[in-house]
PDB file of N, CA and C in Angstrom:
ATOM      1  N   MET A   1     -54.986 -70.146 -42.808  1.00  0.00           N
ATOM      2  CA  MET A   1     -56.011 -70.797 -43.611  1.00  0.00           C
ATOM      3  C   MET A   1     -55.642 -72.237 -43.918  1.00  0.00           C
ATOM      4  N   GLN A   2     -54.329 -72.498 -44.108  1.00  0.00           N
ATOM      5  CA  GLN A   2     -53.896 -73.853 -44.402  1.00  0.00           C
ATOM      6  C   GLN A   2     -54.196 -74.789 -43.239  1.00  0.00           C
ATOM      7  N   LYS A   3     -54.119 -74.287 -42.017  1.00  0.00           N
ATOM      8  CA  LYS A   3     -54.406 -75.134 -40.866  1.00  0.00           C
ATOM      9  C   LYS A   3     -55.849 -75.613 -40.913  1.00  0.00           C
ATOM     10  N   ARG A   4     -56.770 -74.775 -41.371  1.00  0.00           N
ATOM     11  CA  ARG A   4     -58.170 -75.186 -41.482  1.00  0.00           C
ATOM     12  C   ARG A   4     -58.293 -76.368 -42.452  1.00  0.00           C
ATOM     13  N   GLU A   5     -57.565 -76.317 -43.547  1.00  0.00           N
ATOM     14  CA  GLU A   5     -57.613 -77.414 -44.517  1.00  0.00           C
ATOM     15  C   GLU A   5     -57.056 -78.697 -43.920  1.00  0.00           C
ATOM     16  N   ILE A   6     -56.005 -78.569 -43.141  1.00  0.00           N
ATOM     17  CA  ILE A   6     -55.410 -79.746 -42.494  1.00  0.00           C
ATOM     18  C   ILE A   6     -56.390 -80.342 -41.490  1.00  0.00           C
ATOM     19  N   VAL A   7     -57.013 -79.474 -40.700  1.00  0.00           N
ATOM     20  CA  VAL A   7     -57.983 -79.964 -39.712  1.00  0.00           C
ATOM     21  C   VAL A   7     -59.178 -80.601 -40.417  1.00  0.00           C
ATOM     22  N   MET A   8     -59.651 -79.987 -41.517  1.00  0.00           N
ATOM     23  CA  MET A   8     -60.773 -80.581 -42.258  1.00  0.00           C
ATOM     24  C   MET A   8     -60.378 -81.947 -42.799  1.00  0.00           C
ATOM     25  N   ASN A   9     -59.178 -82.082 -43.328  1.00  0.00           N
ATOM     26  CA  ASN A   9     -58.719 -83.388 -43.803  1.00  0.00           C
ATOM     27  C   ASN A   9     -58.691 -84.402 -42.668  1.00  0.00           C
ATOM     28  N   ASP A  10     -58.247 -83.982 -41.483  1.00  0.00           N
ATOM     29  CA  ASP A  10     -58.236 -84.884 -40.329  1.00  0.00           C
ATOM     30  C   ASP A  10     -59.657 -85.297 -39.961  1.00  0.00           C
ATOM     31  N   ILE A  11     -60.583 -84.355 -39.979  1.00  0.00           N
ATOM     32  CA  ILE A  11     -61.982 -84.673 -39.666  1.00  0.00           C
ATOM     33  C   ILE A  11     -62.517 -85.691 -40.665  1.00  0.00           C
ATOM     34  N   LEU A  12     -62.286 -85.453 -41.939  1.00  0.00           N
ATOM     35  CA  LEU A  12     -62.808 -86.358 -42.976  1.00  0.00           C
ATOM     36  C   LEU A  12     -62.153 -87.735 -42.890  1.00  0.00           C
ATOM     37  N   GLU A  13     -60.860 -87.780 -42.603  1.00  0.00           N
ATOM     38  CA  GLU A  13     -60.178 -89.072 -42.466  1.00  0.00           C
ATOM     39  C   GLU A  13     -60.685 -89.835 -41.256  1.00  0.00           C
ATOM     40  N   CYS A  14     -60.906 -89.149 -40.152  1.00  0.00           N
ATOM     41  CA  CYS A  14     -61.439 -89.814 -38.959  1.00  0.00           C
ATOM     42  C   CYS A  14     -62.855 -90.323 -39.234  1.00  0.00           C
ATOM     43  N   LEU A  15     -63.647 -89.533 -39.919  1.00  0.00           N
ATOM     44  CA  LEU A  15     -64.998 -89.988 -40.259  1.00  0.00           C
ATOM     45  C   LEU A  15     -64.955 -91.223 -41.142  1.00  0.00           C
ATOM     46  N   GLN A  16     -64.015 -91.236 -42.086  1.00  0.00           N
ATOM     47  CA  GLN A  16     -63.896 -92.386 -42.980  1.00  0.00           C
ATOM     48  C   GLN A  16     -63.598 -93.661 -42.200  1.00  0.00           C
ATOM     49  N   GLU A  17     -62.817 -93.528 -41.128  1.00  0.00           N
ATOM     50  CA  GLU A  17     -62.511 -94.690 -40.284  1.00  0.00           C
ATOM     51  C   GLU A  17     -63.751 -95.204 -39.577  1.00  0.00           C
ATOM     52  N   LEU A  18     -64.692 -94.320 -39.279  1.00  0.00           N
ATOM     53  CA  LEU A  18     -65.854 -94.687 -38.472  1.00  0.00           C
ATOM     54  C   LEU A  18     -67.077 -95.073 -39.286  1.00  0.00           C
ATOM     55  N   VAL A  19     -67.137 -94.642 -40.532  1.00  0.00           N
ATOM     56  CA  VAL A  19     -68.319 -94.872 -41.354  1.00  0.00           C
ATOM     57  C   VAL A  19     -68.109 -96.109 -42.216  1.00  0.00           C
ATOM     58  N   ALA A  20     -69.029 -97.027 -42.117  1.00  0.00           N
ATOM     59  CA  ALA A  20     -68.937 -98.257 -42.897  1.00  0.00           C
ATOM     60  C   ALA A  20     -69.254 -97.980 -44.360  1.00  0.00           C
ATOM     61  N   GLY A  21     -68.672 -98.802 -45.224  1.00  0.00           N
ATOM     62  CA  GLY A  21     -68.979 -98.688 -46.639  1.00  0.00           C
ATOM     63  C   GLY A  21     -68.140 -97.647 -47.346  1.00  0.00           C
ATOM     64  N   THR A  22     -68.566 -97.375 -48.556  1.00  0.00           N
ATOM     65  CA  THR A  22     -67.804 -96.445 -49.386  1.00  0.00           C
ATOM     66  C   THR A  22     -68.570 -95.156 -49.630  1.00  0.00           C
ATOM     67  N   HIS A  23     -69.471 -94.821 -48.717  1.00  0.00           N
ATOM     68  CA  HIS A  23     -70.252 -93.597 -48.858  1.00  0.00           C
ATOM     69  C   HIS A  23     -69.306 -92.399 -48.899  1.00  0.00           C
ATOM     70  N   PRO A  24     -69.421 -91.560 -49.928  1.00  0.00           N
ATOM     71  CA  PRO A  24     -68.534 -90.393 -49.985  1.00  0.00           C
ATOM     72  C   PRO A  24     -68.799 -89.439 -48.821  1.00  0.00           C
ATOM     73  N   ILE A  25     -67.747 -88.961 -48.233  1.00  0.00           N
ATOM     74  CA  ILE A  25     -67.864 -88.032 -47.107  1.00  0.00           C
ATOM     75  C   ILE A  25     -67.374 -86.676 -47.571  1.00  0.00           C
ATOM     76  N   ARG A  26     -68.276 -85.717 -47.518  1.00  0.00           N
ATOM     77  CA  ARG A  26     -67.955 -84.348 -47.931  1.00  0.00           C
ATOM     78  C   ARG A  26     -68.000 -83.440 -46.707  1.00  0.00           C
ATOM     79  N   SER A  27     -67.509 -82.238 -46.861  1.00  0.00           N
ATOM     80  CA  SER A  27     -67.532 -81.296 -45.742  1.00  0.00           C
ATOM     81  C   SER A  27     -68.950 -80.889 -45.361  1.00  0.00           C
ATOM     82  N   ASP A  28     -69.912 -81.094 -46.295  1.00  0.00           N
ATOM     83  CA  ASP A  28     -71.298 -80.741 -45.984  1.00  0.00           C
ATOM     84  C   ASP A  28     -72.191 -81.969 -45.762  1.00  0.00           C
ATOM     85  N   SER A  29     -71.586 -83.142 -45.625  1.00  0.00           N
ATOM     86  CA  SER A  29     -72.378 -84.350 -45.348  1.00  0.00           C
ATOM     87  C   SER A  29     -72.994 -84.264 -43.957  1.00  0.00           C
ATOM     88  N   ASP A  30     -74.252 -84.662 -43.846  1.00  0.00           N
ATOM     89  CA  ASP A  30     -74.895 -84.715 -42.534  1.00  0.00           C
ATOM     90  C   ASP A  30     -74.387 -85.974 -41.829  1.00  0.00           C
ATOM     91  N   MET A  31     -73.699 -85.785 -40.718  1.00  0.00           N
ATOM     92  CA  MET A  31     -73.035 -86.905 -40.053  1.00  0.00           C
ATOM     93  C   MET A  31     -74.026 -87.919 -39.487  1.00  0.00           C
ATOM     94  N   VAL A  32     -75.218 -87.488 -39.155  1.00  0.00           N
ATOM     95  CA  VAL A  32     -76.221 -88.408 -38.590  1.00  0.00           C
ATOM     96  C   VAL A  32     -77.078 -88.994 -39.701  1.00  0.00           C
ATOM     97  N   ASP A  33     -77.727 -88.150 -40.477  1.00  0.00           N
ATOM     98  CA  ASP A  33     -78.676 -88.630 -41.487  1.00  0.00           C
ATOM     99  C   ASP A  33     -77.997 -89.298 -42.684  1.00  0.00           C
ATOM    100  N   GLU A  34     -76.907 -88.753 -43.171  1.00  0.00           N
ATOM    101  CA  GLU A  34     -76.246 -89.306 -44.354  1.00  0.00           C
ATOM    102  C   GLU A  34     -75.212 -90.381 -44.013  1.00  0.00           C
ATOM    103  N   LEU A  35     -74.447 -90.153 -42.956  1.00  0.00           N
ATOM    104  CA  LEU A  35     -73.344 -91.059 -42.636  1.00  0.00           C
ATOM    105  C   LEU A  35     -73.705 -92.069 -41.556  1.00  0.00           C
ATOM    106  N   GLY A  36     -74.849 -91.882 -40.915  1.00  0.00           N
ATOM    107  CA  GLY A  36     -75.304 -92.836 -39.896  1.00  0.00           C
ATOM    108  C   GLY A  36     -74.450 -92.845 -38.645  1.00  0.00           C
ATOM    109  N   LEU A  37     -73.865 -91.714 -38.312  1.00  0.00           N
ATOM    110  CA  LEU A  37     -73.017 -91.633 -37.128  1.00  0.00           C
ATOM    111  C   LEU A  37     -73.874 -91.651 -35.864  1.00  0.00           C
ATOM    112  N   GLU A  38     -73.730 -92.696 -35.081  1.00  0.00           N
ATOM    113  CA  GLU A  38     -74.469 -92.824 -33.830  1.00  0.00           C
ATOM    114  C   GLU A  38     -73.683 -92.138 -32.719  1.00  0.00           C
ATOM    115  N   SER A  39     -74.331 -91.986 -31.563  1.00  0.00           N
ATOM    116  CA  SER A  39     -73.711 -91.236 -30.470  1.00  0.00           C
ATOM    117  C   SER A  39     -72.367 -91.827 -30.044  1.00  0.00           C
ATOM    118  N   ILE A  40     -72.259 -93.159 -30.017  1.00  0.00           N
ATOM    119  CA  ILE A  40     -70.985 -93.760 -29.612  1.00  0.00           C
ATOM    120  C   ILE A  40     -69.899 -93.456 -30.650  1.00  0.00           C
ATOM    121  N   LYS A  41     -70.280 -93.407 -31.914  1.00  0.00           N
ATOM    122  CA  LYS A  41     -69.296 -93.083 -32.948  1.00  0.00           C
ATOM    123  C   LYS A  41     -68.915 -91.610 -32.904  1.00  0.00           C
ATOM    124  N   VAL A  42     -69.840 -90.766 -32.466  1.00  0.00           N
ATOM    125  CA  VAL A  42     -69.503 -89.349 -32.296  1.00  0.00           C
ATOM    126  C   VAL A  42     -68.434 -89.215 -31.208  1.00  0.00           C
ATOM    127  N   MET A  43     -68.595 -89.982 -30.140  1.00  0.00           N
ATOM    128  CA  MET A  43     -67.590 -89.964 -29.070  1.00  0.00           C
ATOM    129  C   MET A  43     -66.248 -90.481 -29.602  1.00  0.00           C
ATOM    130  N   ASN A  44     -66.304 -91.541 -30.398  1.00  0.00           N
ATOM    131  CA  ASN A  44     -65.069 -92.061 -30.998  1.00  0.00           C
ATOM    132  C   ASN A  44     -64.428 -91.032 -31.917  1.00  0.00           C
ATOM    133  N   LEU A  45     -65.257 -90.306 -32.664  1.00  0.00           N
ATOM    134  CA  LEU A  45     -64.746 -89.255 -33.541  1.00  0.00           C
ATOM    135  C   LEU A  45     -64.010 -88.192 -32.722  1.00  0.00           C
ATOM    136  N   LEU A  46     -64.600 -87.782 -31.621  1.00  0.00           N
ATOM    137  CA  LEU A  46     -63.950 -86.778 -30.777  1.00  0.00           C
ATOM    138  C   LEU A  46     -62.605 -87.292 -30.251  1.00  0.00           C
ATOM    139  N   MET A  47     -62.569 -88.541 -29.823  1.00  0.00           N
ATOM    140  CA  MET A  47     -61.322 -89.091 -29.297  1.00  0.00           C
ATOM    141  C   MET A  47     -60.256 -89.181 -30.387  1.00  0.00           C
ATOM    142  N   LEU A  48     -60.662 -89.602 -31.593  1.00  0.00           N
ATOM    143  CA  LEU A  48     -59.706 -89.652 -32.705  1.00  0.00           C
ATOM    144  C   LEU A  48     -59.157 -88.264 -33.020  1.00  0.00           C
ATOM    145  N   LEU A  49     -60.056 -87.281 -33.046  1.00  0.00           N
ATOM    146  CA  LEU A  49     -59.616 -85.917 -33.356  1.00  0.00           C
ATOM    147  C   LEU A  49     -58.730 -85.345 -32.255  1.00  0.00           C
ATOM    148  N   GLU A  50     -59.073 -85.639 -31.008  1.00  0.00           N
ATOM    149  CA  GLU A  50     -58.235 -85.164 -29.900  1.00  0.00           C
ATOM    150  C   GLU A  50     -56.823 -85.730 -30.031  1.00  0.00           C
ATOM    151  N   ASP A  51     -56.720 -87.009 -30.377  1.00  0.00           N
ATOM    152  CA  ASP A  51     -55.405 -87.626 -30.546  1.00  0.00           C
ATOM    153  C   ASP A  51     -54.651 -87.024 -31.729  1.00  0.00           C
ATOM    154  N   ARG A  52     -55.331 -86.874 -32.849  1.00  0.00           N
ATOM    155  CA  ARG A  52     -54.659 -86.353 -34.052  1.00  0.00           C
ATOM    156  C   ARG A  52     -54.236 -84.903 -33.901  1.00  0.00           C
ATOM    157  N   LEU A  53     -55.128 -84.101 -33.309  1.00  0.00           N
ATOM    158  CA  LEU A  53     -54.866 -82.668 -33.219  1.00  0.00           C
ATOM    159  C   LEU A  53     -54.168 -82.283 -31.920  1.00  0.00           C
ATOM    160  N   ASP A  54     -54.054 -83.239 -31.007  1.00  0.00           N
ATOM    161  CA  ASP A  54     -53.440 -83.004 -29.702  1.00  0.00           C
ATOM    162  C   ASP A  54     -54.111 -81.831 -28.980  1.00  0.00           C
ATOM    163  N   ILE A  55     -55.437 -81.907 -28.937  1.00  0.00           N
ATOM    164  CA  ILE A  55     -56.238 -80.893 -28.252  1.00  0.00           C
ATOM    165  C   ILE A  55     -57.337 -81.588 -27.462  1.00  0.00           C
ATOM    166  N   SER A  56     -57.965 -80.854 -26.569  1.00  0.00           N
ATOM    167  CA  SER A  56     -59.131 -81.345 -25.855  1.00  0.00           C
ATOM    168  C   SER A  56     -60.369 -80.724 -26.493  1.00  0.00           C
ATOM    169  N   ILE A  57     -61.353 -81.574 -26.801  1.00  0.00           N
ATOM    170  CA  ILE A  57     -62.575 -81.092 -27.441  1.00  0.00           C
ATOM    171  C   ILE A  57     -63.747 -81.377 -26.507  1.00  0.00           C
ATOM    172  N   PRO A  58     -64.337 -80.357 -25.912  1.00  0.00           N
ATOM    173  CA  PRO A  58     -65.482 -80.591 -25.027  1.00  0.00           C
ATOM    174  C   PRO A  58     -66.707 -81.036 -25.832  1.00  0.00           C
ATOM    175  N   ILE A  59     -67.436 -81.987 -25.294  1.00  0.00           N
ATOM    176  CA  ILE A  59     -68.565 -82.552 -26.023  1.00  0.00           C
ATOM    177  C   ILE A  59     -69.667 -81.514 -26.249  1.00  0.00           C
ATOM    178  N   ASN A  60     -69.742 -80.519 -25.395  1.00  0.00           N
ATOM    179  CA  ASN A  60     -70.824 -79.536 -25.539  1.00  0.00           C
ATOM    180  C   ASN A  60     -70.720 -78.693 -26.803  1.00  0.00           C
ATOM    181  N   ILE A  61     -69.577 -78.696 -27.471  1.00  0.00           N
ATOM    182  CA  ILE A  61     -69.482 -77.929 -28.713  1.00  0.00           C
ATOM    183  C   ILE A  61     -70.219 -78.616 -29.856  1.00  0.00           C
ATOM    184  N   LEU A  62     -70.672 -79.853 -29.610  1.00  0.00           N
ATOM    185  CA  LEU A  62     -71.343 -80.613 -30.662  1.00  0.00           C
ATOM    186  C   LEU A  62     -72.842 -80.417 -30.694  1.00  0.00           C
ATOM    187  N   LEU A  63     -73.376 -79.593 -29.809  1.00  0.00           N
ATOM    188  CA  LEU A  63     -74.823 -79.476 -29.697  1.00  0.00           C
ATOM    189  C   LEU A  63     -75.510 -79.142 -31.014  1.00  0.00           C
ATOM    190  N   ASN A  64     -74.958 -78.266 -31.797  1.00  0.00           N
ATOM    191  CA  ASN A  64     -75.596 -77.856 -33.047  1.00  0.00           C
ATOM    192  C   ASN A  64     -74.780 -78.248 -34.275  1.00  0.00           C
ATOM    193  N   VAL A  65     -73.911 -79.213 -34.120  1.00  0.00           N
ATOM    194  CA  VAL A  65     -73.040 -79.639 -35.216  1.00  0.00           C
ATOM    195  C   VAL A  65     -73.690 -80.790 -35.971  1.00  0.00           C
ATOM    196  N   ARG A  66     -73.849 -80.631 -37.289  1.00  0.00           N
ATOM    197  CA  ARG A  66     -74.424 -81.697 -38.126  1.00  0.00           C
ATOM    198  C   ARG A  66     -73.458 -82.137 -39.230  1.00  0.00           C
ATOM    199  N   THR A  67     -72.545 -81.257 -39.618  1.00  0.00           N
ATOM    200  CA  THR A  67     -71.663 -81.550 -40.756  1.00  0.00           C
ATOM    201  C   THR A  67     -70.191 -81.410 -40.340  1.00  0.00           C
ATOM    202  N   PRO A  68     -69.293 -82.009 -41.108  1.00  0.00           N
ATOM    203  CA  PRO A  68     -67.863 -81.805 -40.829  1.00  0.00           C
ATOM    204  C   PRO A  68     -67.471 -80.326 -40.858  1.00  0.00           C
ATOM    205  N   GLU A  69     -68.054 -79.546 -41.757  1.00  0.00           N
ATOM    206  CA  GLU A  69     -67.748 -78.114 -41.815  1.00  0.00           C
ATOM    207  C   GLU A  69     -68.160 -77.419 -40.517  1.00  0.00           C
ATOM    208  N   GLN A  70     -69.333 -77.773 -39.993  1.00  0.00           N
ATOM    209  CA  GLN A  70     -69.774 -77.194 -38.721  1.00  0.00           C
ATOM    210  C   GLN A  70     -68.868 -77.646 -37.575  1.00  0.00           C
ATOM    211  N   LEU A  71     -68.407 -78.898 -37.645  1.00  0.00           N
ATOM    212  CA  LEU A  71     -67.478 -79.389 -36.619  1.00  0.00           C
ATOM    213  C   LEU A  71     -66.174 -78.609 -36.671  1.00  0.00           C
ATOM    214  N   LEU A  72     -65.675 -78.364 -37.875  1.00  0.00           N
ATOM    215  CA  LEU A  72     -64.459 -77.561 -38.031  1.00  0.00           C
ATOM    216  C   LEU A  72     -64.658 -76.171 -37.421  1.00  0.00           C
ATOM    217  N   GLU A  73     -65.785 -75.562 -37.711  1.00  0.00           N
ATOM    218  CA  GLU A  73     -66.065 -74.224 -37.158  1.00  0.00           C
ATOM    219  C   GLU A  73     -66.107 -74.272 -35.636  1.00  0.00           C
ATOM    220  N   ALA A  74     -66.748 -75.297 -35.076  1.00  0.00           N
ATOM    221  CA  ALA A  74     -66.870 -75.408 -33.616  1.00  0.00           C
ATOM    222  C   ALA A  74     -65.501 -75.618 -32.975  1.00  0.00           C
ATOM    223  N   ILE A  75     -64.677 -76.482 -33.578  1.00  0.00           N
ATOM    224  CA  ILE A  75     -63.336 -76.728 -33.040  1.00  0.00           C
ATOM    225  C   ILE A  75     -62.490 -75.459 -33.145  1.00  0.00           C
ATOM    226  N   THR A  76     -62.566 -74.804 -34.295  1.00  0.00           N
ATOM    227  CA  THR A  76     -61.790 -73.574 -34.498  1.00  0.00           C
ATOM    228  C   THR A  76     -62.172 -72.508 -33.477  1.00  0.00           C
ATOM    229  N   LYS A  77     -63.471 -72.320 -33.294  1.00  0.00           N
ATOM    230  CA  LYS A  77     -63.948 -71.314 -32.334  1.00  0.00           C
ATOM    231  C   LYS A  77     -63.481 -71.658 -30.926  1.00  0.00           C
ATOM    232  N   HIS A  78     -63.599 -72.937 -30.564  1.00  0.00           N
ATOM    233  CA  HIS A  78     -63.175 -73.355 -29.224  1.00  0.00           C
ATOM    234  C   HIS A  78     -61.672 -73.116 -29.037  1.00  0.00           C
ATOM    235  N   GLN A  79     -60.872 -73.499 -30.037  1.00  0.00           N
ATOM    236  CA  GLN A  79     -59.434 -73.321 -29.925  1.00  0.00           C
ATOM    237  C   GLN A  79     -59.043 -71.849 -29.882  1.00  0.00           C
ATOM    238  N   GLU A  80     -59.740 -71.029 -30.635  1.00  0.00           N
ATOM    239  CA  GLU A  80     -59.452 -69.594 -30.603  1.00  0.00           C
ATOM    240  C   GLU A  80     -59.787 -69.000 -29.241  1.00  0.00           C
ATOM    241  N   GLU A  81     -60.875 -69.476 -28.643  1.00  0.00           N
ATOM    242  CA  GLU A  81     -61.243 -68.989 -27.313  1.00  0.00           C
ATOM    243  C   GLU A  81     -60.228 -69.431 -26.267  1.00  0.00           C
ATOM    244  N   CYS A  82     -59.678 -70.648 -26.441  1.00  0.00           N
ATOM    245  CA  CYS A  82     -58.726 -71.183 -25.460  1.00  0.00           C
ATOM    246  C   CYS A  82     -57.308 -70.669 -25.679  1.00  0.00           C
ATOM    247  N   ASN A  83     -56.895 -70.618 -26.948  1.00  0.00           N
ATOM    248  CA  ASN A  83     -55.490 -70.326 -27.235  1.00  0.00           C
ATOM    249  C   ASN A  83     -55.271 -69.113 -28.118  1.00  0.00           C
ATOM    250  N   GLY A  84     -56.313 -68.618 -28.720  1.00  0.00           N
ATOM    251  CA  GLY A  84     -56.167 -67.484 -29.607  1.00  0.00           C
ATOM    252  C   GLY A  84     -55.873 -67.873 -31.040  1.00  0.00           C
ATOM    253  N   PHE A  85     -55.711 -69.190 -31.313  1.00  0.00           N
ATOM    254  CA  PHE A  85     -55.454 -69.649 -32.675  1.00  0.00           C
ATOM    255  C   PHE A  85     -55.658 -71.150 -32.722  1.00  0.00           C
ATOM    256  N   ILE A  86     -55.668 -71.701 -33.931  1.00  0.00           N
ATOM    257  CA  ILE A  86     -55.674 -73.145 -34.111  1.00  0.00           C
ATOM    258  C   ILE A  86     -54.534 -73.532 -35.006  1.00  0.00           C
TER     259      ILE A  86
END
């Protein structure tokens, strides 16, 4: 369970690097509507997370992802399918 918290912190920190201003970023923030994350920034987010977590994140897992919490779930599910754990 602690690993999920670490990954969520990494997601939120990476988002903070990409989002202009001081808009608060929560685990339930809508990354497009609330944070203004454009497609190029989504790609940058994936690259930042891949570097931090030392994993490969396929872009197709983002199809239904709107919030950091959903991104965490998608990454966790993908990692469990690939490695059996995160």
